[in-house]
N, C-alpha and C. Protein backbone atom coordinates (compact mmCIF):
# COMPACT_ATOMS: atom_id res chain seq x y z
N MET A 1 -18.93 -2.21 -9.47
CA MET A 1 -19.36 -1.29 -10.50
C MET A 1 -18.78 -1.76 -11.83
N ARG A 2 -19.60 -1.84 -12.79
CA ARG A 2 -19.16 -2.24 -14.12
C ARG A 2 -18.76 -1.01 -14.92
N THR A 3 -17.60 -1.12 -15.57
CA THR A 3 -17.09 -0.05 -16.41
C THR A 3 -16.40 -0.68 -17.60
N THR A 4 -16.59 -0.09 -18.74
CA THR A 4 -15.90 -0.57 -19.93
C THR A 4 -14.70 0.34 -20.18
N ILE A 5 -13.52 -0.28 -20.22
CA ILE A 5 -12.31 0.49 -20.50
C ILE A 5 -11.45 -0.30 -21.49
N ASN A 6 -10.60 0.41 -22.19
CA ASN A 6 -9.67 -0.23 -23.12
C ASN A 6 -8.30 -0.29 -22.47
N ILE A 7 -7.81 -1.50 -22.30
CA ILE A 7 -6.49 -1.71 -21.71
C ILE A 7 -5.69 -2.57 -22.68
N LYS A 8 -4.48 -2.17 -22.91
CA LYS A 8 -3.62 -2.95 -23.81
C LYS A 8 -3.48 -4.36 -23.24
N SER A 9 -3.67 -5.34 -24.10
CA SER A 9 -3.68 -6.73 -23.64
C SER A 9 -2.36 -7.16 -23.02
N ASN A 10 -1.24 -6.66 -23.55
CA ASN A 10 0.05 -7.06 -22.99
C ASN A 10 0.24 -6.50 -21.57
N ILE A 11 -0.28 -5.30 -21.32
CA ILE A 11 -0.19 -4.71 -19.99
C ILE A 11 -1.08 -5.49 -19.02
N LEU A 12 -2.28 -5.80 -19.45
CA LEU A 12 -3.21 -6.54 -18.59
C LEU A 12 -2.65 -7.93 -18.26
N GLU A 13 -2.07 -8.59 -19.23
CA GLU A 13 -1.46 -9.90 -18.99
C GLU A 13 -0.33 -9.79 -17.97
N GLU A 14 0.48 -8.75 -18.10
CA GLU A 14 1.59 -8.57 -17.16
C GLU A 14 1.07 -8.28 -15.75
N VAL A 15 0.04 -7.45 -15.64
CA VAL A 15 -0.55 -7.16 -14.34
C VAL A 15 -1.10 -8.44 -13.72
N MET A 16 -1.78 -9.24 -14.51
CA MET A 16 -2.32 -10.50 -13.99
C MET A 16 -1.20 -11.42 -13.53
N HIS A 17 -0.12 -11.45 -14.27
CA HIS A 17 1.02 -12.29 -13.88
C HIS A 17 1.67 -11.76 -12.60
N LEU A 18 1.91 -10.46 -12.53
CA LEU A 18 2.59 -9.87 -11.37
C LEU A 18 1.76 -9.94 -10.09
N THR A 19 0.44 -9.86 -10.23
CA THR A 19 -0.43 -9.89 -9.06
C THR A 19 -0.90 -11.31 -8.71
N SER A 20 -0.64 -12.24 -9.58
CA SER A 20 -1.12 -13.62 -9.42
C SER A 20 -2.64 -13.65 -9.31
N ALA A 21 -3.28 -12.73 -9.98
CA ALA A 21 -4.74 -12.64 -9.95
C ALA A 21 -5.36 -13.77 -10.74
N LYS A 22 -6.55 -14.16 -10.29
CA LYS A 22 -7.26 -15.24 -10.96
C LYS A 22 -8.09 -14.73 -12.13
N ASN A 23 -8.42 -13.43 -12.11
CA ASN A 23 -9.19 -12.88 -13.20
C ASN A 23 -8.79 -11.42 -13.43
N LYS A 24 -9.29 -10.85 -14.49
CA LYS A 24 -8.92 -9.49 -14.88
C LYS A 24 -9.37 -8.46 -13.85
N SER A 25 -10.57 -8.61 -13.33
CA SER A 25 -11.10 -7.65 -12.35
C SER A 25 -10.23 -7.64 -11.09
N GLN A 26 -9.87 -8.81 -10.63
CA GLN A 26 -9.03 -8.90 -9.44
C GLN A 26 -7.67 -8.24 -9.69
N ALA A 27 -7.11 -8.46 -10.86
CA ALA A 27 -5.82 -7.87 -11.21
C ALA A 27 -5.89 -6.35 -11.25
N ILE A 28 -6.94 -5.82 -11.87
CA ILE A 28 -7.10 -4.37 -11.97
C ILE A 28 -7.32 -3.76 -10.59
N ASN A 29 -8.18 -4.39 -9.79
CA ASN A 29 -8.43 -3.87 -8.44
C ASN A 29 -7.15 -3.84 -7.60
N GLU A 30 -6.39 -4.91 -7.66
CA GLU A 30 -5.14 -4.95 -6.89
C GLU A 30 -4.14 -3.91 -7.38
N ALA A 31 -4.05 -3.75 -8.70
CA ALA A 31 -3.13 -2.76 -9.26
C ALA A 31 -3.53 -1.35 -8.85
N LEU A 32 -4.83 -1.06 -8.88
CA LEU A 32 -5.30 0.27 -8.49
C LEU A 32 -5.09 0.53 -6.99
N GLU A 33 -5.34 -0.48 -6.16
CA GLU A 33 -5.12 -0.33 -4.73
C GLU A 33 -3.64 -0.05 -4.44
N THR A 34 -2.77 -0.77 -5.13
CA THR A 34 -1.33 -0.56 -4.95
C THR A 34 -0.93 0.84 -5.41
N TYR A 35 -1.48 1.29 -6.51
CA TYR A 35 -1.18 2.63 -7.03
C TYR A 35 -1.60 3.69 -6.03
N VAL A 36 -2.81 3.57 -5.50
CA VAL A 36 -3.32 4.56 -4.54
C VAL A 36 -2.45 4.55 -3.28
N ARG A 37 -2.11 3.37 -2.78
CA ARG A 37 -1.26 3.27 -1.58
C ARG A 37 0.09 3.94 -1.81
N GLU A 38 0.70 3.70 -2.96
CA GLU A 38 2.00 4.29 -3.26
C GLU A 38 1.91 5.81 -3.40
N LYS A 39 0.86 6.31 -4.01
CA LYS A 39 0.68 7.76 -4.15
C LYS A 39 0.51 8.41 -2.78
N ARG A 40 -0.27 7.77 -1.90
CA ARG A 40 -0.45 8.31 -0.55
C ARG A 40 0.88 8.33 0.21
N MET A 41 1.65 7.26 0.06
CA MET A 41 2.96 7.20 0.72
C MET A 41 3.87 8.30 0.18
N GLN A 42 3.83 8.53 -1.12
CA GLN A 42 4.67 9.55 -1.72
C GLN A 42 4.29 10.93 -1.21
N LYS A 43 2.99 11.18 -1.03
CA LYS A 43 2.56 12.46 -0.49
C LYS A 43 3.09 12.66 0.92
N LEU A 44 3.09 11.61 1.72
CA LEU A 44 3.65 11.70 3.07
C LEU A 44 5.16 11.94 3.02
N LEU A 45 5.84 11.24 2.14
CA LEU A 45 7.29 11.42 2.01
C LEU A 45 7.64 12.82 1.52
N ASP A 46 6.78 13.39 0.69
CA ASP A 46 7.01 14.75 0.19
C ASP A 46 6.94 15.79 1.30
N LEU A 47 6.25 15.45 2.39
CA LEU A 47 6.13 16.36 3.53
C LEU A 47 7.38 16.34 4.43
N LYS A 48 8.25 15.38 4.20
CA LYS A 48 9.45 15.26 5.03
C LYS A 48 10.24 16.56 5.01
N GLY A 49 10.49 17.09 6.20
CA GLY A 49 11.24 18.32 6.34
C GLY A 49 10.38 19.58 6.23
N LYS A 50 9.11 19.43 5.92
CA LYS A 50 8.24 20.59 5.77
C LYS A 50 7.38 20.82 7.00
N LEU A 51 7.28 19.83 7.85
CA LEU A 51 6.47 19.97 9.05
C LEU A 51 7.37 20.22 10.25
N SER A 52 6.94 21.11 11.09
CA SER A 52 7.68 21.39 12.31
C SER A 52 6.87 20.83 13.48
N LEU A 53 7.33 19.72 14.01
CA LEU A 53 6.64 19.08 15.11
C LEU A 53 7.48 19.21 16.38
N GLU A 54 6.83 19.64 17.43
CA GLU A 54 7.52 19.73 18.70
C GLU A 54 7.35 18.42 19.44
N GLU A 55 8.36 18.09 20.19
CA GLU A 55 8.27 16.84 20.94
C GLU A 55 7.62 17.12 22.29
N ASN A 56 6.33 17.38 22.23
CA ASN A 56 5.59 17.65 23.45
C ASN A 56 4.49 16.61 23.65
N TRP A 57 4.74 15.41 23.21
CA TRP A 57 3.74 14.37 23.28
C TRP A 57 3.37 14.03 24.72
N LYS A 58 4.32 14.18 25.65
CA LYS A 58 4.01 13.88 27.05
C LYS A 58 2.98 14.88 27.60
N ALA A 59 3.17 16.16 27.29
CA ALA A 59 2.23 17.18 27.76
C ALA A 59 0.86 16.98 27.12
N LEU A 60 0.84 16.63 25.84
CA LEU A 60 -0.43 16.38 25.16
C LEU A 60 -1.13 15.15 25.76
N ARG A 61 -0.36 14.16 26.09
CA ARG A 61 -0.92 12.95 26.71
C ARG A 61 -1.53 13.28 28.06
N GLU A 62 -0.84 14.10 28.85
CA GLU A 62 -1.37 14.48 30.16
C GLU A 62 -2.68 15.27 30.02
N LEU A 63 -2.73 16.18 29.06
CA LEU A 63 -3.95 16.94 28.81
C LEU A 63 -5.10 15.99 28.40
N GLU A 64 -4.75 15.04 27.59
CA GLU A 64 -5.75 14.08 27.13
C GLU A 64 -6.30 13.27 28.30
N LEU A 65 -5.42 12.87 29.21
CA LEU A 65 -5.85 12.10 30.39
C LEU A 65 -6.66 12.95 31.34
N ASP A 66 -6.30 14.23 31.47
CA ASP A 66 -7.05 15.13 32.35
C ASP A 66 -8.47 15.35 31.86
N GLU A 67 -8.63 15.38 30.53
CA GLU A 67 -9.96 15.60 29.96
C GLU A 67 -10.86 14.38 30.11
N GLY A 68 -10.26 13.23 30.13
CA GLY A 68 -11.02 11.98 30.16
C GLY A 68 -11.53 11.66 31.48
């Protein structure tokens, strides 16, 4: 998808250097993929201590095998 955006040249140059990208599109795509991955990881880390999981994986596994 083609999109026109304004990016500061010094930032784009640094992204290209850090990603070792061959072109601007590749650099931007890699930077955005990394950003999304890190945000998803942060959301998971934010859930730490908020979920109550019981260690009943054996019983769930047996139910799953019985159904199959």
